PDB file of N, CA and C in Angstrom:
ATOM      1  N   CYS A   1     -10.453 -34.350 -24.374  1.00  0.00           N
ATOM      2  CA  CYS A   1     -11.397 -34.351 -22.969  1.00  0.00           C
ATOM      3  C   CYS A   1     -10.532 -33.620 -21.811  1.00  0.00           C
ATOM      4  N   SER A   2      -9.256 -34.179 -21.785  1.00  0.00           N
ATOM      5  CA  SER A   2      -8.239 -34.046 -20.638  1.00  0.00           C
ATOM      6  C   SER A   2      -7.927 -32.494 -20.588  1.00  0.00           C
ATOM      7  N   SER A   3      -8.288 -31.568 -21.408  1.00  0.00           N
ATOM      8  CA  SER A   3      -8.051 -30.285 -21.481  1.00  0.00           C
ATOM      9  C   SER A   3      -9.051 -29.389 -20.358  1.00  0.00           C
ATOM     10  N   CYS A   4     -10.124 -30.254 -20.350  1.00  0.00           N
ATOM     11  CA  CYS A   4     -11.013 -29.645 -19.471  1.00  0.00           C
ATOM     12  C   CYS A   4     -11.065 -30.403 -18.282  1.00  0.00           C
ATOM     13  N   HIS A   5     -11.234 -31.912 -18.271  1.00  0.00           N
ATOM     14  CA  HIS A   5     -11.497 -32.524 -17.566  1.00  0.00           C
ATOM     15  C   HIS A   5     -10.162 -33.264 -16.650  1.00  0.00           C
ATOM     16  N   GLY A   6      -9.270 -32.833 -17.194  1.00  0.00           N
ATOM     17  CA  GLY A   6      -8.043 -33.426 -16.284  1.00  0.00           C
ATOM     18  C   GLY A   6      -7.479 -34.473 -17.088  1.00  0.00           C
ATOM     19  N   PRO A   7      -6.487 -34.863 -16.586  1.00  0.00           N
ATOM     20  CA  PRO A   7      -5.710 -36.304 -17.582  1.00  0.00           C
ATOM     21  C   PRO A   7      -6.454 -37.313 -16.766  1.00  0.00           C
ATOM     22  N   GLY A   8      -6.795 -37.657 -15.584  1.00  0.00           N
ATOM     23  CA  GLY A   8      -7.412 -38.595 -15.263  1.00  0.00           C
ATOM     24  C   GLY A   8      -8.818 -38.646 -15.149  1.00  0.00           C
ATOM     25  N   GLY A   9      -9.407 -37.504 -15.609  1.00  0.00           N
ATOM     26  CA  GLY A   9     -10.837 -37.338 -15.286  1.00  0.00           C
ATOM     27  C   GLY A   9     -11.158 -36.976 -14.122  1.00  0.00           C
ATOM     28  N   ASP A  10     -10.199 -36.267 -13.459  1.00  0.00           N
ATOM     29  CA  ASP A  10     -10.699 -35.923 -11.970  1.00  0.00           C
ATOM     30  C   ASP A  10     -11.243 -34.258 -11.930  1.00  0.00           C
ATOM     31  N   GLY A  11     -11.322 -33.672 -13.447  1.00  0.00           N
ATOM     32  CA  GLY A  11     -11.871 -32.390 -13.358  1.00  0.00           C
ATOM     33  C   GLY A  11     -11.290 -31.538 -12.167  1.00  0.00           C
ATOM     34  N   TYR A  12     -12.380 -30.513 -11.617  1.00  0.00           N
ATOM     35  CA  TYR A  12     -11.806 -29.248 -11.024  1.00  0.00           C
ATOM     36  C   TYR A  12     -10.621 -29.588  -9.851  1.00  0.00           C
ATOM     37  N   ALA A  13     -10.763 -30.841  -9.127  1.00  0.00           N
ATOM     38  CA  ALA A  13      -9.515 -31.232  -8.414  1.00  0.00           C
ATOM     39  C   ALA A  13      -8.570 -31.221  -8.988  1.00  0.00           C
ATOM     40  N   ALA A  14      -8.183 -31.647 -10.342  1.00  0.00           N
ATOM     41  CA  ALA A  14      -6.751 -31.584 -10.986  1.00  0.00           C
ATOM     42  C   ALA A  14      -6.656 -30.386 -11.537  1.00  0.00           C
ATOM     43  N   GLY A  15      -7.412 -29.318 -11.471  1.00  0.00           N
ATOM     44  CA  GLY A  15      -7.124 -28.161 -11.970  1.00  0.00           C
ATOM     45  C   GLY A  15      -7.945 -27.788 -13.456  1.00  0.00           C
ATOM     46  N   GLY A  16      -8.784 -28.640 -13.604  1.00  0.00           N
ATOM     47  CA  GLY A  16      -9.545 -28.715 -14.863  1.00  0.00           C
ATOM     48  C   GLY A  16     -10.815 -27.941 -14.758  1.00  0.00           C
ATOM     49  N   THR A  17     -11.165 -27.233 -15.854  1.00  0.00           N
ATOM     50  CA  THR A  17     -12.393 -26.582 -15.891  1.00  0.00           C
ATOM     51  C   THR A  17     -13.749 -27.488 -15.853  1.00  0.00           C
ATOM     52  N   GLY A  18     -13.529 -28.488 -16.067  1.00  0.00           N
ATOM     53  CA  GLY A  18     -14.991 -29.650 -16.110  1.00  0.00           C
ATOM     54  C   GLY A  18     -14.964 -30.328 -15.001  1.00  0.00           C
ATOM     55  N   THR A  19     -16.001 -31.366 -15.299  1.00  0.00           N
ATOM     56  CA  THR A  19     -16.582 -32.143 -14.113  1.00  0.00           C
ATOM     57  C   THR A  19     -15.703 -33.138 -13.748  1.00  0.00           C
ATOM     58  N   ALA A  20     -15.720 -34.014 -13.128  1.00  0.00           N
ATOM     59  CA  ALA A  20     -14.694 -35.138 -12.693  1.00  0.00           C
ATOM     60  C   ALA A  20     -15.524 -36.207 -13.433  1.00  0.00           C
ATOM     61  N   VAL A  21     -15.412 -36.890 -14.872  1.00  0.00           N
ATOM     62  CA  VAL A  21     -15.890 -37.562 -15.367  1.00  0.00           C
ATOM     63  C   VAL A  21     -15.283 -38.974 -15.223  1.00  0.00           C
ATOM     64  N   GLY A  22     -14.160 -38.756 -14.608  1.00  0.00           N
ATOM     65  CA  GLY A  22     -13.537 -40.085 -14.443  1.00  0.00           C
ATOM     66  C   GLY A  22     -13.546 -40.589 -13.101  1.00  0.00           C
ATOM     67  N   LYS A  23     -14.546 -39.910 -12.206  1.00  0.00           N
ATOM     68  CA  LYS A  23     -14.647 -40.263 -10.760  1.00  0.00           C
ATOM     69  C   LYS A  23     -15.888 -41.216 -10.830  1.00  0.00           C
ATOM     70  N   ILE A  24     -15.439 -42.355  -9.923  1.00  0.00           N
ATOM     71  CA  ILE A  24     -16.513 -43.396 -10.081  1.00  0.00           C
ATOM     72  C   ILE A  24     -17.782 -42.902  -9.341  1.00  0.00           C
ATOM     73  N   GLY A  25     -17.943 -41.746  -8.364  1.00  0.00           N
ATOM     74  CA  GLY A  25     -18.961 -41.128  -7.677  1.00  0.00           C
ATOM     75  C   GLY A  25     -20.009 -40.610  -9.060  1.00  0.00           C
ATOM     76  N   PHE A  26     -19.307 -39.884  -9.806  1.00  0.00           N
ATOM     77  CA  PHE A  26     -19.944 -39.091 -11.128  1.00  0.00           C
ATOM     78  C   PHE A  26     -20.406 -40.670 -12.353  1.00  0.00           C
ATOM     79  N   LEU A  27     -19.531 -41.385 -12.586  1.00  0.00           N
ATOM     80  CA  LEU A  27     -19.970 -42.507 -12.977  1.00  0.00           C
ATOM     81  C   LEU A  27     -21.320 -43.728 -12.528  1.00  0.00           C
ATOM     82  N   ASN A  28     -21.411 -43.416 -11.206  1.00  0.00           N
ATOM     83  CA  ASN A  28     -22.445 -44.015 -10.618  1.00  0.00           C
ATOM     84  C   ASN A  28     -23.616 -43.360 -10.866  1.00  0.00           C
ATOM     85  N   LYS A  29     -23.737 -42.068 -11.190  1.00  0.00           N
ATOM     86  CA  LYS A  29     -24.890 -41.574 -10.997  1.00  0.00           C
ATOM     87  C   LYS A  29     -25.507 -41.286 -12.423  1.00  0.00           C
ATOM     88  N   VAL A  30     -24.314 -41.348 -13.468  1.00  0.00           N
ATOM     89  CA  VAL A  30     -25.146 -41.071 -14.733  1.00  0.00           C
ATOM     90  C   VAL A  30     -25.057 -42.357 -15.674  1.00  0.00           C
ATOM     91  N   SER A  31     -26.223 -42.200 -16.676  1.00  0.00           N
ATOM     92  CA  SER A  31     -26.237 -43.429 -17.515  1.00  0.00           C
ATOM     93  C   SER A  31     -25.428 -43.163 -18.714  1.00  0.00           C
ATOM     94  N   ASP A  32     -25.297 -44.432 -19.295  1.00  0.00           N
ATOM     95  CA  ASP A  32     -24.331 -44.161 -20.888  1.00  0.00           C
ATOM     96  C   ASP A  32     -24.934 -43.326 -21.822  1.00  0.00           C
ATOM     97  N   GLY A  33     -26.548 -43.294 -21.699  1.00  0.00           N
ATOM     98  CA  GLY A  33     -27.108 -42.277 -22.348  1.00  0.00           C
ATOM     99  C   GLY A  33     -26.908 -41.063 -22.262  1.00  0.00           C
ATOM    100  N   PHE A  34     -26.689 -40.594 -20.852  1.00  0.00           N
ATOM    101  CA  PHE A  34     -26.256 -39.296 -20.702  1.00  0.00           C
ATOM    102  C   PHE A  34     -24.885 -38.774 -21.134  1.00  0.00           C
ATOM    103  N   ILE A  35     -24.126 -39.644 -20.798  1.00  0.00           N
ATOM    104  CA  ILE A  35     -22.919 -39.625 -21.318  1.00  0.00           C
ATOM    105  C   ILE A  35     -22.839 -39.390 -22.736  1.00  0.00           C
ATOM    106  N   ARG A  36     -23.439 -40.043 -23.385  1.00  0.00           N
ATOM    107  CA  ARG A  36     -23.268 -40.111 -24.994  1.00  0.00           C
ATOM    108  C   ARG A  36     -24.061 -38.826 -25.620  1.00  0.00           C
ATOM    109  N   VAL A  37     -25.079 -38.541 -24.879  1.00  0.00           N
ATOM    110  CA  VAL A  37     -25.667 -37.243 -25.578  1.00  0.00           C
ATOM    111  C   VAL A  37     -24.859 -36.307 -25.405  1.00  0.00           C
ATOM    112  N   THR A  38     -23.934 -36.086 -23.958  1.00  0.00           N
ATOM    113  CA  THR A  38     -23.153 -34.951 -23.541  1.00  0.00           C
ATOM    114  C   THR A  38     -22.138 -34.744 -24.403  1.00  0.00           C
ATOM    115  N   ILE A  39     -21.455 -36.090 -25.074  1.00  0.00           N
ATOM    116  CA  ILE A  39     -20.433 -36.232 -25.909  1.00  0.00           C
ATOM    117  C   ILE A  39     -20.706 -35.594 -27.318  1.00  0.00           C
ATOM    118  N   LYS A  40     -21.881 -36.275 -27.891  1.00  0.00           N
ATOM    119  CA  LYS A  40     -22.485 -35.808 -29.035  1.00  0.00           C
ATOM    120  C   LYS A  40     -22.862 -34.108 -29.035  1.00  0.00           C
ATOM    121  N   GLU A  41     -23.542 -34.073 -28.136  1.00  0.00           N
ATOM    122  CA  GLU A  41     -24.014 -32.365 -28.294  1.00  0.00           C
ATOM    123  C   GLU A  41     -23.632 -31.489 -27.361  1.00  0.00           C
ATOM    124  N   GLY A  42     -22.791 -32.031 -26.384  1.00  0.00           N
ATOM    125  CA  GLY A  42     -22.202 -30.854 -25.492  1.00  0.00           C
ATOM    126  C   GLY A  42     -23.220 -30.489 -24.365  1.00  0.00           C
ATOM    127  N   ARG A  43     -23.025 -29.467 -23.600  1.00  0.00           N
ATOM    128  CA  ARG A  43     -23.767 -29.259 -22.486  1.00  0.00           C
ATOM    129  C   ARG A  43     -24.146 -27.736 -22.534  1.00  0.00           C
ATOM    130  N   SER A  44     -25.584 -27.462 -22.724  1.00  0.00           N
ATOM    131  CA  SER A  44     -25.586 -25.924 -22.781  1.00  0.00           C
ATOM    132  C   SER A  44     -25.217 -25.227 -21.382  1.00  0.00           C
ATOM    133  N   ASN A  45     -25.067 -24.167 -21.618  1.00  0.00           N
ATOM    134  CA  ASN A  45     -24.622 -22.926 -20.735  1.00  0.00           C
ATOM    135  C   ASN A  45     -23.550 -23.839 -20.000  1.00  0.00           C
ATOM    136  N   THR A  46     -22.584 -24.350 -20.547  1.00  0.00           N
ATOM    137  CA  THR A  46     -21.164 -24.725 -20.260  1.00  0.00           C
ATOM    138  C   THR A  46     -20.306 -24.577 -21.252  1.00  0.00           C
ATOM    139  N   ARG A  47     -18.683 -24.943 -21.497  1.00  0.00           N
ATOM    140  CA  ARG A  47     -18.087 -24.648 -22.234  1.00  0.00           C
ATOM    141  C   ARG A  47     -17.742 -25.971 -22.954  1.00  0.00           C
ATOM    142  N   MET A  48     -18.701 -27.036 -22.365  1.00  0.00           N
ATOM    143  CA  MET A  48     -18.689 -28.302 -23.242  1.00  0.00           C
ATOM    144  C   MET A  48     -19.448 -27.898 -24.590  1.00  0.00           C
ATOM    145  N   ARG A  49     -18.746 -28.379 -25.664  1.00  0.00           N
ATOM    146  CA  ARG A  49     -19.181 -28.328 -27.081  1.00  0.00           C
ATOM    147  C   ARG A  49     -19.221 -29.780 -27.350  1.00  0.00           C
ATOM    148  N   GLY A  50     -20.033 -30.064 -28.682  1.00  0.00           N
ATOM    149  CA  GLY A  50     -20.314 -31.323 -28.846  1.00  0.00           C
ATOM    150  C   GLY A  50     -19.075 -31.898 -29.885  1.00  0.00           C
ATOM    151  N   PHE A  51     -18.905 -33.025 -29.916  1.00  0.00           N
ATOM    152  CA  PHE A  51     -18.257 -33.744 -30.512  1.00  0.00           C
ATOM    153  C   PHE A  51     -18.617 -34.614 -31.859  1.00  0.00           C
ATOM    154  N   SER A  52     -19.802 -34.498 -32.192  1.00  0.00           N
ATOM    155  CA  SER A  52     -20.267 -35.027 -33.056  1.00  0.00           C
ATOM    156  C   SER A  52     -20.751 -34.223 -34.443  1.00  0.00           C
ATOM    157  N   GLY A  53     -20.594 -34.599 -35.695  1.00  0.00           N
ATOM    158  CA  GLY A  53     -21.178 -33.797 -36.681  1.00  0.00           C
ATOM    159  C   GLY A  53     -20.066 -32.908 -37.326  1.00  0.00           C
ATOM    160  N   PRO A  54     -20.186 -32.416 -38.396  1.00  0.00           N
ATOM    161  CA  PRO A  54     -18.762 -31.823 -39.274  1.00  0.00           C
ATOM    162  C   PRO A  54     -18.793 -30.349 -38.300  1.00  0.00           C
ATOM    163  N   ALA A  55     -19.406 -29.657 -37.804  1.00  0.00           N
ATOM    164  CA  ALA A  55     -19.283 -28.571 -37.272  1.00  0.00           C
ATOM    165  C   ALA A  55     -18.788 -28.805 -35.662  1.00  0.00           C
ATOM    166  N   ALA A  56     -18.513 -29.841 -35.098  1.00  0.00           N
ATOM    167  CA  ALA A  56     -18.303 -30.202 -33.560  1.00  0.00           C
ATOM    168  C   ALA A  56     -16.678 -30.089 -33.594  1.00  0.00           C
ATOM    169  N   LEU A  57     -16.063 -30.063 -32.261  1.00  0.00           N
ATOM    170  CA  LEU A  57     -14.822 -30.014 -32.106  1.00  0.00           C
ATOM    171  C   LEU A  57     -14.161 -31.189 -32.591  1.00  0.00           C
ATOM    172  N   ALA A  58     -14.785 -32.403 -32.765  1.00  0.00           N
ATOM    173  CA  ALA A  58     -14.265 -33.582 -33.461  1.00  0.00           C
ATOM    174  C   ALA A  58     -15.394 -34.384 -34.115  1.00  0.00           C
ATOM    175  N   ASP A  59     -15.304 -34.679 -35.259  1.00  0.00           N
ATOM    176  CA  ASP A  59     -16.455 -35.682 -35.628  1.00  0.00           C
ATOM    177  C   ASP A  59     -16.319 -36.977 -35.399  1.00  0.00           C
ATOM    178  N   LEU A  60     -16.722 -37.249 -33.925  1.00  0.00           N
ATOM    179  CA  LEU A  60     -16.650 -38.774 -33.478  1.00  0.00           C
ATOM    180  C   LEU A  60     -17.599 -39.490 -34.034  1.00  0.00           C
ATOM    181  N   SER A  61     -17.268 -41.031 -34.414  1.00  0.00           N
ATOM    182  CA  SER A  61     -18.694 -41.653 -34.831  1.00  0.00           C
ATOM    183  C   SER A  61     -19.084 -42.276 -33.605  1.00  0.00           C
ATOM    184  N   ASP A  62     -20.331 -42.996 -33.536  1.00  0.00           N
ATOM    185  CA  ASP A  62     -21.172 -43.414 -32.689  1.00  0.00           C
ATOM    186  C   ASP A  62     -20.185 -44.550 -31.923  1.00  0.00           C
ATOM    187  N   ARG A  63     -19.473 -45.432 -32.673  1.00  0.00           N
ATOM    188  CA  ARG A  63     -18.614 -46.260 -32.030  1.00  0.00           C
ATOM    189  C   ARG A  63     -17.341 -46.023 -31.154  1.00  0.00           C
ATOM    190  N   GLU A  64     -16.793 -44.595 -31.598  1.00  0.00           N
ATOM    191  CA  GLU A  64     -15.613 -43.847 -31.121  1.00  0.00           C
ATOM    192  C   GLU A  64     -16.320 -43.288 -29.714  1.00  0.00           C
ATOM    193  N   ILE A  65     -17.505 -42.882 -29.636  1.00  0.00           N
ATOM    194  CA  ILE A  65     -18.426 -42.500 -28.328  1.00  0.00           C
ATOM    195  C   ILE A  65     -18.411 -43.375 -27.499  1.00  0.00           C
ATOM    196  N   ASP A  66     -18.812 -44.790 -28.174  1.00  0.00           N
ATOM    197  CA  ASP A  66     -19.137 -45.781 -27.181  1.00  0.00           C
ATOM    198  C   ASP A  66     -17.876 -46.483 -26.424  1.00  0.00           C
ATOM    199  N   ASP A  67     -16.600 -46.202 -27.301  1.00  0.00           N
ATOM    200  CA  ASP A  67     -15.541 -46.685 -26.892  1.00  0.00           C
ATOM    201  C   ASP A  67     -14.901 -45.594 -25.856  1.00  0.00           C
ATOM    202  N   ILE A  68     -15.458 -44.289 -25.589  1.00  0.00           N
ATOM    203  CA  ILE A  68     -15.029 -43.532 -24.619  1.00  0.00           C
ATOM    204  C   ILE A  68     -15.748 -43.749 -23.422  1.00  0.00           C
ATOM    205  N   ILE A  69     -17.040 -44.190 -23.573  1.00  0.00           N
ATOM    206  CA  ILE A  69     -17.694 -44.465 -22.507  1.00  0.00           C
ATOM    207  C   ILE A  69     -17.613 -45.627 -21.742  1.00  0.00           C
ATOM    208  N   SER A  70     -16.949 -46.823 -22.756  1.00  0.00           N
ATOM    209  CA  SER A  70     -16.421 -48.094 -22.327  1.00  0.00           C
ATOM    210  C   SER A  70     -15.014 -47.835 -21.292  1.00  0.00           C
ATOM    211  N   TYR A  71     -14.169 -47.054 -21.696  1.00  0.00           N
ATOM    212  CA  TYR A  71     -12.926 -46.644 -21.235  1.00  0.00           C
ATOM    213  C   TYR A  71     -13.422 -45.953 -19.877  1.00  0.00           C
ATOM    214  N   LEU A  72     -13.973 -44.894 -19.723  1.00  0.00           N
ATOM    215  CA  LEU A  72     -14.421 -44.389 -18.335  1.00  0.00           C
ATOM    216  C   LEU A  72     -15.070 -45.289 -17.549  1.00  0.00           C
ATOM    217  N   ARG A  73     -15.957 -46.146 -17.945  1.00  0.00           N
ATOM    218  CA  ARG A  73     -16.664 -47.077 -17.221  1.00  0.00           C
ATOM    219  C   ARG A  73     -15.678 -48.287 -16.622  1.00  0.00           C
ATOM    220  N   THR A  74     -14.471 -48.705 -17.345  1.00  0.00           N
ATOM    221  CA  THR A  74     -13.480 -49.625 -17.031  1.00  0.00           C
ATOM    222  C   THR A  74     -12.270 -49.349 -16.046  1.00  0.00           C
ATOM    223  N   ASN A  75     -12.134 -47.910 -16.386  1.00  0.00           N
ATOM    224  CA  ASN A  75     -10.832 -47.277 -15.791  1.00  0.00           C
ATOM    225  C   ASN A  75     -11.432 -46.009 -14.954  1.00  0.00           C
ATOM    226  N   PRO A  76     -12.224 -46.274 -13.775  1.00  0.00           N
ATOM    227  CA  PRO A  76     -12.473 -44.997 -12.926  1.00  0.00           C
ATOM    228  C   PRO A  76     -11.620 -44.802 -12.070  1.00  0.00           C
ATOM    229  N   SER A  77     -11.441 -43.383 -11.482  1.00  0.00           N
ATOM    230  CA  SER A  77     -10.643 -42.973 -10.912  1.00  0.00           C
ATOM    231  C   SER A  77     -11.596 -43.552  -9.145  1.00  0.00           C
ATOM    232  N   LYS A  78     -10.695 -43.491  -8.500  1.00  0.00           N
ATOM    233  CA  LYS A  78     -11.014 -44.142  -7.195  1.00  0.00           C
ATOM    234  C   LYS A  78     -11.772 -43.154  -5.984  1.00  0.00           C
ATOM    235  N   ASN A  79     -10.838 -42.066  -6.308  1.00  0.00           N
ATOM    236  CA  ASN A  79     -10.991 -41.115  -5.467  1.00  0.00           C
ATOM    237  C   ASN A  79     -12.223 -40.286  -5.698  1.00  0.00           C
TER     238      ASN A  79
END
């Protein structure tokens, strides 16, 4: 995640190529379902590939994806 979204999830502001998934502003706008589907399937027309299934970047389980969502929600960047 950090290779595109930055080590603190700050995205472009941290020199990453992805959005600021760790920012409280982003997290307040999206549902857990949106994040879950994005992690599993990726985002079309972006560099974000999916992380679920044998052909994915990593074959994350549903539990692992939920753990990522919980981490993002409990440790948001305030900036």
